[in-house]
């Protein structure tokens, strides 16, 4: 299977660099049924950790942020790639970007151990629109139809809450 590339929005916030802060944040996301495509955390100073959130539905994350008083920075844009894990699987993608003089600013990828991989890559904001064209990424309302996370949000009526 050829790689499928999706445009994803991401947001970030910082929390104290103390035990349990990431867990508390993830627990809050799960309680609000904010499904994540990806998540990353890394220290930005001796006392702060940056949490990077790639939500499947940014509206749900925004609702949570407003209710909880969270400060989120974004949306920022990245690309999520998924495909069959084979030697050189990412080479074609990187060659297209390189040939168009687009730098990959950062990236992270993992294989699932069953012959598939997922990969997130970031380009500079000024290169994003060009990267969309170069990679052939369509940004329609149905961009998640073929994405392989099938999570439906459960809604409760106000009377049940």
N, C-alpha and C. Protein backbone atom coordinates (compact mmCIF):
# COMPACT_ATOMS: atom_id res chain seq x y z
N UNK A 1 0.84 -1.18 0.00
CA UNK A 1 0.00 0.00 0.00
C UNK A 1 0.88 1.24 0.00
N UNK A 2 0.58 2.17 -0.87
CA UNK A 2 1.32 3.43 -0.90
C UNK A 2 0.99 4.22 0.36
N UNK A 3 1.89 5.09 0.71
CA UNK A 3 1.68 5.93 1.90
C UNK A 3 0.49 6.85 1.69
N UNK A 4 -0.28 7.01 2.74
CA UNK A 4 -1.37 7.99 2.74
C UNK A 4 -0.94 9.13 3.64
N UNK A 5 -1.14 10.34 3.17
CA UNK A 5 -0.67 11.51 3.91
C UNK A 5 -1.87 12.38 4.23
N UNK A 6 -1.97 12.76 5.49
CA UNK A 6 -3.05 13.60 5.98
C UNK A 6 -2.46 14.87 6.57
N UNK A 7 -3.16 15.97 6.39
CA UNK A 7 -2.82 17.21 7.07
C UNK A 7 -3.46 17.15 8.45
N UNK A 8 -2.68 17.45 9.49
CA UNK A 8 -3.22 17.44 10.85
C UNK A 8 -2.88 18.76 11.53
N UNK A 9 -3.80 19.19 12.38
CA UNK A 9 -3.54 20.36 13.20
C UNK A 9 -3.00 19.88 14.54
N UNK A 10 -2.16 20.70 15.13
CA UNK A 10 -1.70 20.37 16.47
C UNK A 10 -1.65 21.64 17.31
N UNK A 11 -1.66 21.44 18.60
CA UNK A 11 -1.65 22.51 19.59
C UNK A 11 -0.62 22.15 20.64
N UNK A 12 -0.15 23.16 21.34
CA UNK A 12 0.75 22.84 22.45
C UNK A 12 0.45 23.72 23.65
N UNK A 13 0.87 23.22 24.78
CA UNK A 13 0.77 23.94 26.04
C UNK A 13 1.95 23.50 26.88
N UNK A 14 2.19 24.18 27.97
CA UNK A 14 3.24 23.75 28.88
C UNK A 14 2.65 23.49 30.25
N UNK A 15 3.28 22.57 30.94
CA UNK A 15 2.90 22.23 32.31
C UNK A 15 4.18 22.18 33.14
N UNK A 16 4.01 22.15 34.45
CA UNK A 16 5.15 22.01 35.33
C UNK A 16 5.85 20.69 35.09
N UNK A 17 7.18 20.71 35.15
CA UNK A 17 7.97 19.50 34.94
C UNK A 17 8.07 18.75 36.26
N UNK A 18 6.93 18.15 36.64
CA UNK A 18 6.82 17.40 37.90
C UNK A 18 6.09 16.09 37.61
N UNK A 19 6.35 15.08 38.43
CA UNK A 19 5.65 13.81 38.24
C UNK A 19 4.13 13.99 38.27
N UNK A 20 3.46 13.33 37.33
CA UNK A 20 2.00 13.32 37.31
C UNK A 20 1.34 14.39 36.45
N UNK A 21 2.08 15.40 36.00
CA UNK A 21 1.46 16.47 35.22
C UNK A 21 0.96 15.98 33.86
N UNK A 22 1.76 15.18 33.18
CA UNK A 22 1.34 14.62 31.90
C UNK A 22 0.16 13.67 32.09
N UNK A 23 0.21 12.87 33.12
CA UNK A 23 -0.88 11.93 33.42
C UNK A 23 -2.17 12.69 33.69
N UNK A 24 -2.09 13.73 34.47
CA UNK A 24 -3.27 14.56 34.78
C UNK A 24 -3.86 15.14 33.50
N UNK A 25 -2.99 15.63 32.61
CA UNK A 25 -3.46 16.22 31.35
C UNK A 25 -4.12 15.16 30.48
N UNK A 26 -3.50 14.00 30.34
CA UNK A 26 -4.08 12.92 29.53
C UNK A 26 -5.40 12.43 30.12
N UNK A 27 -5.49 12.38 31.43
CA UNK A 27 -6.73 11.98 32.09
C UNK A 27 -7.85 12.98 31.76
N UNK A 28 -7.52 14.27 31.76
CA UNK A 28 -8.49 15.31 31.41
C UNK A 28 -8.97 15.14 29.97
N UNK A 29 -8.04 14.87 29.06
CA UNK A 29 -8.41 14.66 27.65
C UNK A 29 -9.31 13.44 27.51
N UNK A 30 -8.97 12.37 28.16
CA UNK A 30 -9.77 11.14 28.07
C UNK A 30 -11.16 11.35 28.65
N UNK A 31 -11.27 12.05 29.77
CA UNK A 31 -12.58 12.29 30.39
C UNK A 31 -13.47 13.12 29.48
N UNK A 32 -12.87 14.01 28.69
CA UNK A 32 -13.63 14.84 27.75
C UNK A 32 -13.78 14.15 26.39
N UNK A 33 -13.31 12.90 26.27
CA UNK A 33 -13.39 12.13 25.04
C UNK A 33 -12.71 12.79 23.86
N UNK A 34 -11.58 13.45 24.15
CA UNK A 34 -10.76 14.03 23.09
C UNK A 34 -9.82 12.93 22.60
N UNK A 35 -10.09 12.41 21.41
CA UNK A 35 -9.29 11.34 20.85
C UNK A 35 -8.03 11.93 20.22
N UNK A 36 -6.90 11.31 20.48
CA UNK A 36 -5.64 11.82 19.97
C UNK A 36 -5.13 11.00 18.80
N UNK A 37 -4.64 11.69 17.79
CA UNK A 37 -3.93 11.03 16.70
C UNK A 37 -2.49 10.80 17.11
N UNK A 38 -1.97 11.73 17.89
CA UNK A 38 -0.60 11.63 18.40
C UNK A 38 -0.46 12.56 19.59
N UNK A 39 0.59 12.32 20.35
CA UNK A 39 0.88 13.12 21.53
C UNK A 39 2.38 13.08 21.75
N UNK A 40 2.95 14.20 22.16
CA UNK A 40 4.37 14.26 22.42
C UNK A 40 4.60 15.17 23.61
N UNK A 41 5.59 14.86 24.41
CA UNK A 41 5.95 15.70 25.56
C UNK A 41 7.46 15.74 25.66
N UNK A 42 7.99 16.93 25.95
CA UNK A 42 9.43 17.06 26.11
C UNK A 42 9.73 18.29 26.97
N UNK A 43 10.82 18.24 27.72
CA UNK A 43 11.16 19.37 28.59
C UNK A 43 11.61 20.58 27.76
N UNK A 44 11.16 21.76 28.17
CA UNK A 44 11.61 23.00 27.52
C UNK A 44 12.45 23.85 28.47
N UNK A 45 12.47 23.50 29.74
CA UNK A 45 13.34 24.11 30.74
C UNK A 45 13.41 23.15 31.91
N UNK A 46 14.12 23.54 32.94
CA UNK A 46 14.25 22.64 34.08
C UNK A 46 12.94 22.48 34.84
N UNK A 47 12.01 23.43 34.66
CA UNK A 47 10.75 23.33 35.41
C UNK A 47 9.49 23.32 34.55
N UNK A 48 9.64 23.25 33.21
CA UNK A 48 8.47 23.24 32.31
C UNK A 48 8.61 22.14 31.28
N UNK A 49 7.48 21.51 30.94
CA UNK A 49 7.40 20.49 29.90
C UNK A 49 6.36 20.93 28.88
N UNK A 50 6.70 20.81 27.61
CA UNK A 50 5.76 21.15 26.54
C UNK A 50 5.01 19.89 26.14
N UNK A 51 3.68 20.00 26.09
CA UNK A 51 2.81 18.93 25.64
C UNK A 51 2.29 19.30 24.26
N UNK A 52 2.46 18.41 23.30
CA UNK A 52 2.02 18.65 21.93
C UNK A 52 0.87 17.69 21.66
N UNK A 53 -0.28 18.27 21.30
CA UNK A 53 -1.51 17.51 21.16
C UNK A 53 -1.97 17.55 19.70
N UNK A 54 -2.16 16.38 19.12
CA UNK A 54 -2.68 16.23 17.76
C UNK A 54 -4.07 15.62 17.89
N UNK A 55 -5.11 16.44 18.02
CA UNK A 55 -6.45 15.88 18.25
C UNK A 55 -7.09 15.41 16.95
N UNK A 56 -7.92 14.39 17.05
CA UNK A 56 -8.69 13.97 15.88
C UNK A 56 -9.73 15.03 15.56
N UNK A 57 -10.28 15.67 16.59
CA UNK A 57 -11.27 16.72 16.39
C UNK A 57 -10.88 17.92 17.25
N UNK A 58 -10.37 18.96 16.61
CA UNK A 58 -9.89 20.14 17.33
C UNK A 58 -11.02 20.87 18.06
N UNK A 59 -12.25 20.76 17.58
CA UNK A 59 -13.38 21.42 18.24
C UNK A 59 -13.55 20.88 19.65
N UNK A 60 -13.43 19.57 19.81
CA UNK A 60 -13.58 18.98 21.14
C UNK A 60 -12.46 19.44 22.06
N UNK A 61 -11.23 19.54 21.52
CA UNK A 61 -10.12 20.03 22.32
C UNK A 61 -10.35 21.48 22.72
N UNK A 62 -10.86 22.29 21.79
CA UNK A 62 -11.16 23.69 22.09
C UNK A 62 -12.21 23.84 23.17
N UNK A 63 -13.25 23.00 23.10
CA UNK A 63 -14.29 23.02 24.14
C UNK A 63 -13.69 22.72 25.50
N UNK A 64 -12.84 21.71 25.55
CA UNK A 64 -12.19 21.34 26.80
C UNK A 64 -11.32 22.49 27.32
N UNK A 65 -10.55 23.09 26.44
CA UNK A 65 -9.66 24.18 26.85
C UNK A 65 -10.46 25.34 27.45
N UNK A 66 -11.58 25.67 26.82
CA UNK A 66 -12.42 26.76 27.35
C UNK A 66 -12.99 26.39 28.72
N UNK A 67 -13.48 25.19 28.87
CA UNK A 67 -14.05 24.76 30.16
C UNK A 67 -13.01 24.71 31.27
N UNK A 68 -11.81 24.25 30.93
CA UNK A 68 -10.77 24.05 31.93
C UNK A 68 -9.85 25.26 32.11
N UNK A 69 -10.02 26.26 31.25
CA UNK A 69 -9.13 27.43 31.31
C UNK A 69 -7.71 27.13 30.86
N UNK A 70 -7.57 26.16 29.94
CA UNK A 70 -6.25 25.80 29.42
C UNK A 70 -5.81 26.78 28.35
N UNK A 71 -4.55 27.12 28.36
CA UNK A 71 -3.98 27.95 27.30
C UNK A 71 -3.35 27.03 26.27
N UNK A 72 -3.92 27.02 25.09
CA UNK A 72 -3.39 26.23 23.98
C UNK A 72 -2.85 27.16 22.90
N UNK A 73 -1.72 26.81 22.34
CA UNK A 73 -1.15 27.57 21.23
C UNK A 73 -1.39 26.78 19.95
N UNK A 74 -1.98 27.42 18.98
CA UNK A 74 -2.27 26.74 17.72
C UNK A 74 -3.56 27.26 17.14
N UNK A 75 -4.03 26.71 16.07
CA UNK A 75 -3.51 25.49 15.46
C UNK A 75 -2.25 25.74 14.64
N UNK A 76 -1.40 24.75 14.68
CA UNK A 76 -0.24 24.67 13.82
C UNK A 76 -0.48 23.45 12.92
N UNK A 77 0.30 23.34 11.87
CA UNK A 77 0.04 22.28 10.89
C UNK A 77 1.21 21.30 10.78
N UNK A 78 0.85 20.06 10.57
CA UNK A 78 1.83 18.99 10.35
C UNK A 78 1.23 17.99 9.38
N UNK A 79 1.99 16.97 9.08
CA UNK A 79 1.52 15.90 8.20
C UNK A 79 1.63 14.58 8.95
N UNK A 80 0.60 13.78 8.85
CA UNK A 80 0.61 12.44 9.40
C UNK A 80 0.61 11.48 8.22
N UNK A 81 1.58 10.59 8.21
CA UNK A 81 1.76 9.64 7.12
C UNK A 81 1.53 8.24 7.69
N UNK A 82 0.83 7.41 6.96
CA UNK A 82 0.71 6.00 7.36
C UNK A 82 0.85 5.14 6.12
N UNK A 83 1.44 3.98 6.31
CA UNK A 83 1.63 3.09 5.18
C UNK A 83 2.24 1.78 5.60
N UNK A 84 2.64 1.00 4.61
CA UNK A 84 3.28 -0.28 4.85
C UNK A 84 4.74 -0.06 5.20
N UNK A 85 5.21 -0.75 6.22
CA UNK A 85 6.59 -0.63 6.65
C UNK A 85 7.47 -1.45 5.73
N UNK A 86 8.25 -0.76 4.93
CA UNK A 86 9.18 -1.42 4.02
C UNK A 86 10.43 -0.55 3.90
N UNK A 87 11.50 -1.13 3.52
CA UNK A 87 12.75 -0.42 3.39
C UNK A 87 12.57 0.80 2.47
N UNK A 88 12.94 1.96 2.94
CA UNK A 88 12.84 3.18 2.15
C UNK A 88 11.45 3.77 2.09
N UNK A 89 10.57 3.37 2.99
CA UNK A 89 9.17 3.81 2.94
C UNK A 89 9.03 5.34 2.96
N UNK A 90 9.92 6.03 3.65
CA UNK A 90 9.81 7.48 3.77
C UNK A 90 10.62 8.24 2.72
N UNK A 91 11.45 7.52 1.99
CA UNK A 91 12.35 8.16 1.05
C UNK A 91 11.62 8.97 -0.01
N UNK A 92 10.57 8.42 -0.61
CA UNK A 92 9.84 9.11 -1.67
C UNK A 92 9.27 10.44 -1.16
N UNK A 93 8.74 10.44 0.05
CA UNK A 93 8.17 11.65 0.64
C UNK A 93 9.26 12.70 0.83
N UNK A 94 10.37 12.28 1.40
CA UNK A 94 11.46 13.22 1.65
C UNK A 94 12.08 13.73 0.35
N UNK A 95 12.17 12.87 -0.65
CA UNK A 95 12.70 13.31 -1.94
C UNK A 95 11.83 14.38 -2.57
N UNK A 96 10.50 14.20 -2.52
CA UNK A 96 9.59 15.21 -3.08
C UNK A 96 9.79 16.55 -2.39
N UNK A 97 9.90 16.53 -1.08
CA UNK A 97 10.09 17.78 -0.33
C UNK A 97 11.45 18.39 -0.64
N UNK A 98 12.48 17.56 -0.64
CA UNK A 98 13.83 18.03 -0.93
C UNK A 98 13.92 18.65 -2.32
N UNK A 99 13.34 17.97 -3.31
CA UNK A 99 13.37 18.47 -4.69
C UNK A 99 12.65 19.81 -4.84
N UNK A 100 11.73 20.09 -3.90
CA UNK A 100 11.01 21.36 -3.92
C UNK A 100 11.60 22.37 -2.94
N UNK A 101 12.77 22.06 -2.42
CA UNK A 101 13.49 22.94 -1.49
C UNK A 101 12.69 23.21 -0.22
N UNK A 102 11.99 22.17 0.26
CA UNK A 102 11.23 22.26 1.51
C UNK A 102 11.96 21.43 2.56
N UNK A 103 12.30 22.07 3.66
CA UNK A 103 13.01 21.40 4.74
C UNK A 103 12.03 20.74 5.70
N UNK A 104 12.32 19.51 6.08
CA UNK A 104 11.57 18.85 7.15
C UNK A 104 12.17 19.35 8.45
N UNK A 105 11.38 20.14 9.19
CA UNK A 105 11.88 20.77 10.41
C UNK A 105 12.02 19.77 11.55
N UNK A 106 11.08 18.83 11.65
CA UNK A 106 11.16 17.77 12.65
C UNK A 106 10.25 16.63 12.21
N UNK A 107 10.52 15.45 12.75
CA UNK A 107 9.70 14.29 12.40
C UNK A 107 9.85 13.22 13.46
N UNK A 108 8.84 12.37 13.54
CA UNK A 108 8.85 11.22 14.45
C UNK A 108 8.06 10.10 13.79
N UNK A 109 8.56 8.90 13.87
CA UNK A 109 7.84 7.78 13.29
C UNK A 109 7.99 6.52 14.11
N UNK A 110 7.02 5.65 13.97
CA UNK A 110 7.01 4.37 14.67
C UNK A 110 6.41 3.31 13.76
N UNK A 111 6.92 2.10 13.90
CA UNK A 111 6.27 0.96 13.25
C UNK A 111 5.38 0.29 14.29
N UNK A 112 4.38 -0.44 13.81
CA UNK A 112 3.47 -1.09 14.76
C UNK A 112 3.85 -2.54 15.03
N UNK A 113 4.91 -3.02 14.40
CA UNK A 113 5.32 -4.40 14.61
C UNK A 113 4.53 -5.40 13.78
N UNK A 114 3.58 -4.89 12.99
CA UNK A 114 2.74 -5.75 12.15
C UNK A 114 2.80 -5.31 10.69
N UNK A 115 3.89 -4.65 10.32
CA UNK A 115 4.09 -4.29 8.92
C UNK A 115 3.55 -2.92 8.52
N UNK A 116 3.16 -2.10 9.47
CA UNK A 116 2.64 -0.76 9.16
C UNK A 116 3.44 0.27 9.96
N UNK A 117 3.37 1.53 9.53
CA UNK A 117 4.03 2.60 10.27
C UNK A 117 3.15 3.84 10.27
N UNK A 118 3.46 4.72 11.20
CA UNK A 118 2.88 6.07 11.25
C UNK A 118 4.04 7.03 11.46
N UNK A 119 3.92 8.19 10.85
CA UNK A 119 5.02 9.14 10.82
C UNK A 119 4.43 10.54 10.84
N UNK A 120 4.95 11.39 11.70
CA UNK A 120 4.53 12.79 11.73
C UNK A 120 5.70 13.64 11.28
N UNK A 121 5.44 14.56 10.38
CA UNK A 121 6.50 15.47 9.97
C UNK A 121 6.01 16.90 9.96
N UNK A 122 6.92 17.78 10.29
CA UNK A 122 6.64 19.21 10.36
C UNK A 122 7.53 19.93 9.36
N UNK A 123 6.96 20.90 8.69
CA UNK A 123 7.73 21.81 7.83
C UNK A 123 7.55 23.21 8.39
N UNK A 124 8.38 24.13 7.93
CA UNK A 124 8.24 25.52 8.37
C UNK A 124 6.88 26.05 7.94
N UNK A 125 6.26 26.91 8.77
CA UNK A 125 4.93 27.44 8.42
C UNK A 125 4.86 28.05 7.02
N UNK A 126 5.91 28.72 6.60
CA UNK A 126 5.90 29.36 5.28
C UNK A 126 5.98 28.33 4.14
N UNK A 127 6.34 27.09 4.45
CA UNK A 127 6.42 26.03 3.44
C UNK A 127 5.21 25.11 3.42
N UNK A 128 4.30 25.31 4.35
CA UNK A 128 3.18 24.37 4.52
C UNK A 128 2.31 24.26 3.26
N UNK A 129 1.88 25.39 2.70
CA UNK A 129 0.99 25.35 1.53
C UNK A 129 1.67 24.67 0.34
N UNK A 130 2.94 24.96 0.14
CA UNK A 130 3.68 24.33 -0.94
C UNK A 130 3.83 22.82 -0.69
N UNK A 131 4.07 22.44 0.58
CA UNK A 131 4.20 21.02 0.92
C UNK A 131 2.89 20.28 0.66
N UNK A 132 1.75 20.93 0.92
CA UNK A 132 0.46 20.31 0.62
C UNK A 132 0.39 19.91 -0.85
N UNK A 133 0.81 20.83 -1.73
CA UNK A 133 0.76 20.58 -3.17
C UNK A 133 1.77 19.51 -3.58
N UNK A 134 2.98 19.63 -3.08
CA UNK A 134 4.05 18.70 -3.44
C UNK A 134 3.70 17.28 -3.03
N UNK A 135 3.10 17.13 -1.85
CA UNK A 135 2.76 15.80 -1.35
C UNK A 135 1.39 15.31 -1.83
N UNK A 136 0.64 16.18 -2.50
CA UNK A 136 -0.67 15.78 -3.02
C UNK A 136 -1.71 15.55 -1.93
N UNK A 137 -1.63 16.35 -0.87
CA UNK A 137 -2.56 16.19 0.24
C UNK A 137 -3.82 17.00 -0.03
N UNK A 138 -4.96 16.33 0.02
CA UNK A 138 -6.24 17.00 -0.15
C UNK A 138 -6.77 17.40 1.21
N UNK A 139 -7.30 18.60 1.30
CA UNK A 139 -7.83 19.08 2.57
C UNK A 139 -9.33 19.29 2.47
N UNK A 140 -10.05 18.22 2.34
CA UNK A 140 -11.50 18.31 2.27
C UNK A 140 -12.13 17.99 3.61
N UNK A 141 -13.42 18.13 3.67
CA UNK A 141 -14.13 17.81 4.89
C UNK A 141 -14.03 16.33 5.24
N UNK A 142 -13.78 15.50 4.26
CA UNK A 142 -13.72 14.05 4.47
C UNK A 142 -12.30 13.55 4.68
N UNK A 143 -11.37 14.40 5.10
CA UNK A 143 -9.98 13.99 5.16
C UNK A 143 -9.72 12.83 6.12
N UNK A 144 -10.63 12.58 7.08
CA UNK A 144 -10.41 11.50 8.03
C UNK A 144 -11.21 10.24 7.69
N UNK A 145 -11.94 10.22 6.60
CA UNK A 145 -12.77 9.07 6.26
C UNK A 145 -11.95 7.79 6.20
N UNK A 146 -10.77 7.85 5.60
CA UNK A 146 -9.96 6.66 5.43
C UNK A 146 -8.93 6.47 6.54
N UNK A 147 -8.88 7.39 7.47
CA UNK A 147 -7.92 7.26 8.56
C UNK A 147 -8.37 6.13 9.48
N UNK A 148 -7.44 5.34 9.95
CA UNK A 148 -7.80 4.11 10.63
C UNK A 148 -7.95 4.25 12.15
N UNK A 149 -8.56 5.31 12.59
CA UNK A 149 -8.99 5.43 13.99
C UNK A 149 -10.49 5.63 13.94
N UNK A 150 -11.22 4.71 14.41
CA UNK A 150 -12.68 4.78 14.36
C UNK A 150 -13.22 4.97 15.77
N UNK A 151 -13.25 6.19 16.23
CA UNK A 151 -13.75 6.51 17.58
C UNK A 151 -14.87 7.51 17.44
N UNK A 152 -16.02 7.14 17.88
CA UNK A 152 -17.16 8.04 17.87
C UNK A 152 -17.32 8.63 19.26
N UNK A 153 -17.53 9.91 19.34
CA UNK A 153 -17.73 10.56 20.62
C UNK A 153 -19.11 10.21 21.14
N UNK A 154 -19.17 9.90 22.42
CA UNK A 154 -20.45 9.62 23.06
C UNK A 154 -20.98 10.93 23.62
N UNK A 155 -22.19 11.27 23.27
CA UNK A 155 -22.79 12.50 23.77
C UNK A 155 -23.78 12.19 24.88
N UNK A 156 -23.82 13.03 25.87
CA UNK A 156 -24.80 12.92 26.95
C UNK A 156 -25.67 14.14 26.90
N UNK A 157 -26.90 13.96 27.24
CA UNK A 157 -27.81 15.12 27.31
C UNK A 157 -27.46 15.93 28.53
N UNK A 158 -27.84 17.18 28.53
CA UNK A 158 -27.58 18.06 29.66
C UNK A 158 -28.20 17.51 30.92
N UNK A 159 -29.37 16.86 30.79
CA UNK A 159 -30.07 16.30 31.95
C UNK A 159 -29.25 15.18 32.59
N UNK A 160 -28.44 14.45 31.82
CA UNK A 160 -27.63 13.35 32.34
C UNK A 160 -26.32 13.82 32.95
N UNK A 161 -25.88 14.98 32.59
CA UNK A 161 -24.55 15.46 33.02
C UNK A 161 -24.49 15.79 34.48
